[in-house]
């Protein structure tokens, strides 16, 4: 049985999945559970190790987004 894939729905699902991981990792760093510099260094090293074996470099987009998010300044925690 052949079915068409809803590309927009698939894209939204993948984006949501990646956003969830990015937010979780940012939270762990913000709360001090994970040391920011060690974690970003680990992710960069992992990406460098994986990159040569990956033909489509877009595959690493999620990892690049995570590293970028971790480098961003922490969100404001002002209470209103």
N, C-alpha and C. Protein backbone atom coordinates (compact mmCIF):
# COMPACT_ATOMS: atom_id res chain seq x y z
N UNK A 1 0.84 -1.17 0.00
CA UNK A 1 0.00 0.00 0.00
C UNK A 1 0.90 1.25 0.00
N UNK A 2 0.67 2.11 -0.94
CA UNK A 2 1.49 3.31 -1.08
C UNK A 2 0.71 4.52 -0.57
N UNK A 3 1.37 5.33 0.28
CA UNK A 3 0.73 6.53 0.82
C UNK A 3 1.66 7.71 0.62
N UNK A 4 1.06 8.88 0.43
CA UNK A 4 1.86 10.10 0.32
C UNK A 4 2.27 10.56 1.72
N UNK A 5 3.46 11.11 1.80
CA UNK A 5 3.97 11.63 3.07
C UNK A 5 3.67 13.12 3.13
N UNK A 6 3.09 13.56 4.22
CA UNK A 6 2.82 14.98 4.44
C UNK A 6 4.14 15.61 4.90
N UNK A 7 4.83 16.24 3.98
CA UNK A 7 6.16 16.78 4.25
C UNK A 7 6.11 17.86 5.34
N UNK A 8 5.10 18.70 5.33
CA UNK A 8 4.99 19.75 6.35
C UNK A 8 4.79 19.14 7.73
N UNK A 9 3.97 18.12 7.83
CA UNK A 9 3.74 17.47 9.12
C UNK A 9 5.01 16.78 9.61
N UNK A 10 5.72 16.14 8.72
CA UNK A 10 6.97 15.48 9.08
C UNK A 10 8.00 16.50 9.54
N UNK A 11 8.10 17.60 8.82
CA UNK A 11 9.02 18.66 9.18
C UNK A 11 8.68 19.25 10.55
N UNK A 12 7.42 19.47 10.81
CA UNK A 12 6.98 20.01 12.11
C UNK A 12 7.29 19.03 13.24
N UNK A 13 7.09 17.76 13.00
CA UNK A 13 7.38 16.76 14.02
C UNK A 13 8.87 16.72 14.35
N UNK A 14 9.71 16.78 13.33
CA UNK A 14 11.16 16.77 13.54
C UNK A 14 11.59 18.04 14.26
N UNK A 15 11.06 19.18 13.86
CA UNK A 15 11.40 20.45 14.52
C UNK A 15 10.99 20.42 15.99
N UNK A 16 9.83 19.89 16.28
CA UNK A 16 9.39 19.79 17.67
C UNK A 16 10.27 18.87 18.48
N UNK A 17 10.67 17.77 17.90
CA UNK A 17 11.56 16.82 18.56
C UNK A 17 12.90 17.48 18.89
N UNK A 18 13.46 18.19 17.92
CA UNK A 18 14.74 18.88 18.14
C UNK A 18 14.61 19.99 19.17
N UNK A 19 13.53 20.76 19.09
CA UNK A 19 13.32 21.85 20.04
C UNK A 19 13.23 21.32 21.46
N UNK A 20 12.60 20.19 21.64
CA UNK A 20 12.48 19.59 22.97
C UNK A 20 13.86 19.24 23.53
N UNK A 21 14.72 18.68 22.70
CA UNK A 21 16.07 18.34 23.16
C UNK A 21 16.89 19.59 23.47
N UNK A 22 16.77 20.59 22.62
CA UNK A 22 17.51 21.83 22.84
C UNK A 22 17.08 22.46 24.16
N UNK A 23 15.77 22.55 24.40
CA UNK A 23 15.28 23.14 25.64
C UNK A 23 15.69 22.34 26.86
N UNK A 24 15.66 21.03 26.77
CA UNK A 24 16.06 20.18 27.89
C UNK A 24 17.54 20.40 28.23
N UNK A 25 18.38 20.42 27.22
CA UNK A 25 19.82 20.62 27.45
C UNK A 25 20.10 22.02 27.99
N UNK A 26 19.41 23.03 27.46
CA UNK A 26 19.60 24.39 27.99
C UNK A 26 19.18 24.46 29.45
N UNK A 27 18.09 23.81 29.80
CA UNK A 27 17.63 23.79 31.18
C UNK A 27 18.67 23.13 32.08
N UNK A 28 19.21 22.00 31.67
CA UNK A 28 20.21 21.29 32.48
C UNK A 28 21.45 22.15 32.70
N UNK A 29 21.85 22.90 31.67
CA UNK A 29 23.00 23.80 31.80
C UNK A 29 22.64 24.96 32.73
N UNK A 30 21.49 25.57 32.53
CA UNK A 30 21.07 26.71 33.36
C UNK A 30 20.97 26.32 34.84
N UNK A 31 20.52 25.13 35.12
CA UNK A 31 20.35 24.68 36.50
C UNK A 31 21.64 24.15 37.11
N UNK A 32 22.70 24.11 36.32
CA UNK A 32 23.98 23.66 36.83
C UNK A 32 24.15 22.15 36.90
N UNK A 33 23.23 21.41 36.32
CA UNK A 33 23.33 19.95 36.31
C UNK A 33 24.47 19.52 35.39
N UNK A 34 24.62 20.25 34.30
CA UNK A 34 25.66 19.98 33.31
C UNK A 34 26.51 21.24 33.17
N UNK A 35 27.83 21.07 33.16
CA UNK A 35 28.72 22.22 32.99
C UNK A 35 28.73 22.64 31.52
N UNK A 36 28.38 23.90 31.27
CA UNK A 36 28.20 24.42 29.92
C UNK A 36 29.43 24.22 29.03
N UNK A 37 30.59 24.64 29.49
CA UNK A 37 31.78 24.56 28.64
C UNK A 37 32.18 23.13 28.32
N UNK A 38 32.10 22.25 29.31
CA UNK A 38 32.44 20.84 29.07
C UNK A 38 31.45 20.20 28.11
N UNK A 39 30.18 20.53 28.29
CA UNK A 39 29.15 19.94 27.45
C UNK A 39 29.26 20.41 26.01
N UNK A 40 29.46 21.71 25.80
CA UNK A 40 29.59 22.20 24.42
C UNK A 40 30.85 21.65 23.77
N UNK A 41 31.94 21.52 24.53
CA UNK A 41 33.17 20.92 23.99
C UNK A 41 32.92 19.47 23.58
N UNK A 42 32.20 18.76 24.42
CA UNK A 42 31.87 17.37 24.11
C UNK A 42 31.04 17.28 22.83
N UNK A 43 30.02 18.13 22.71
CA UNK A 43 29.17 18.12 21.52
C UNK A 43 29.95 18.48 20.26
N UNK A 44 30.83 19.47 20.36
CA UNK A 44 31.65 19.87 19.20
C UNK A 44 32.57 18.74 18.78
N UNK A 45 33.18 18.06 19.75
CA UNK A 45 34.06 16.93 19.43
C UNK A 45 33.27 15.79 18.79
N UNK A 46 32.09 15.52 19.33
CA UNK A 46 31.25 14.46 18.77
C UNK A 46 30.85 14.78 17.34
N UNK A 47 30.50 16.05 17.10
CA UNK A 47 30.12 16.46 15.75
C UNK A 47 31.30 16.32 14.79
N UNK A 48 32.48 16.71 15.23
CA UNK A 48 33.68 16.59 14.39
C UNK A 48 33.98 15.13 14.05
N UNK A 49 33.76 14.24 15.01
CA UNK A 49 34.00 12.82 14.78
C UNK A 49 32.98 12.21 13.81
N UNK A 50 31.74 12.66 13.90
CA UNK A 50 30.67 12.09 13.06
C UNK A 50 30.68 12.66 11.64
N UNK A 51 31.09 13.90 11.50
CA UNK A 51 30.97 14.61 10.22
C UNK A 51 31.58 13.88 9.02
N UNK A 52 32.78 13.31 9.14
CA UNK A 52 33.36 12.68 7.95
C UNK A 52 32.53 11.52 7.39
N UNK A 53 31.79 10.82 8.21
CA UNK A 53 31.01 9.68 7.74
C UNK A 53 29.61 10.03 7.28
N UNK A 54 29.25 11.30 7.34
CA UNK A 54 27.90 11.71 6.97
C UNK A 54 27.93 12.44 5.64
N UNK A 55 27.23 11.90 4.66
CA UNK A 55 27.23 12.52 3.33
C UNK A 55 26.47 13.83 3.32
N UNK A 56 25.27 13.83 3.89
CA UNK A 56 24.42 15.03 3.90
C UNK A 56 24.65 15.78 5.20
N UNK A 57 25.38 16.87 5.14
CA UNK A 57 25.75 17.63 6.34
C UNK A 57 24.54 18.24 7.05
N UNK A 58 23.39 18.29 6.38
CA UNK A 58 22.18 18.79 7.03
C UNK A 58 21.77 17.88 8.18
N UNK A 59 22.26 16.66 8.17
CA UNK A 59 21.97 15.71 9.25
C UNK A 59 22.45 16.26 10.59
N UNK A 60 23.50 17.05 10.58
CA UNK A 60 24.07 17.60 11.81
C UNK A 60 23.41 18.91 12.24
N UNK A 61 22.37 19.33 11.54
CA UNK A 61 21.70 20.59 11.85
C UNK A 61 21.24 20.65 13.30
N UNK A 62 20.61 19.61 13.78
CA UNK A 62 20.12 19.59 15.16
C UNK A 62 21.22 19.77 16.18
N UNK A 63 22.34 19.12 15.94
CA UNK A 63 23.48 19.25 16.85
C UNK A 63 24.06 20.65 16.81
N UNK A 64 24.12 21.24 15.62
CA UNK A 64 24.60 22.63 15.51
C UNK A 64 23.66 23.58 16.23
N UNK A 65 22.35 23.34 16.12
CA UNK A 65 21.36 24.17 16.80
C UNK A 65 21.51 24.06 18.31
N UNK A 66 21.78 22.87 18.80
CA UNK A 66 21.96 22.66 20.22
C UNK A 66 23.18 23.41 20.73
N UNK A 67 24.28 23.33 20.02
CA UNK A 67 25.50 24.04 20.42
C UNK A 67 25.26 25.54 20.41
N UNK A 68 24.60 26.05 19.40
CA UNK A 68 24.29 27.48 19.31
C UNK A 68 23.40 27.91 20.48
N UNK A 69 22.41 27.10 20.80
CA UNK A 69 21.50 27.42 21.90
C UNK A 69 22.22 27.44 23.24
N UNK A 70 23.16 26.54 23.42
CA UNK A 70 23.90 26.50 24.68
C UNK A 70 24.83 27.69 24.83
N UNK A 71 25.32 28.21 23.73
CA UNK A 71 26.21 29.37 23.78
C UNK A 71 25.44 30.68 24.00
N UNK A 72 24.14 30.66 23.74
CA UNK A 72 23.32 31.87 23.89
C UNK A 72 23.26 32.26 25.36
N UNK A 73 23.12 33.56 25.62
CA UNK A 73 23.02 33.99 27.02
C UNK A 73 21.78 33.36 27.67
N UNK A 74 21.86 33.11 28.98
CA UNK A 74 20.72 32.50 29.65
C UNK A 74 19.47 33.38 29.58
N UNK A 75 18.34 32.73 29.56
CA UNK A 75 17.07 33.46 29.52
C UNK A 75 16.88 34.22 30.82
N UNK A 76 16.19 35.33 30.73
CA UNK A 76 15.91 36.14 31.90
C UNK A 76 15.04 35.36 32.86
N UNK A 77 15.37 35.45 34.14
CA UNK A 77 14.59 34.74 35.15
C UNK A 77 13.86 35.73 36.06
N UNK A 78 13.58 36.91 35.53
CA UNK A 78 12.89 37.94 36.31
C UNK A 78 11.48 37.48 36.68
N UNK A 79 11.11 37.68 37.92
CA UNK A 79 9.77 37.33 38.38
C UNK A 79 8.92 38.59 38.41
N UNK A 80 7.72 38.48 37.87
CA UNK A 80 6.83 39.65 37.83
C UNK A 80 5.85 39.61 38.97
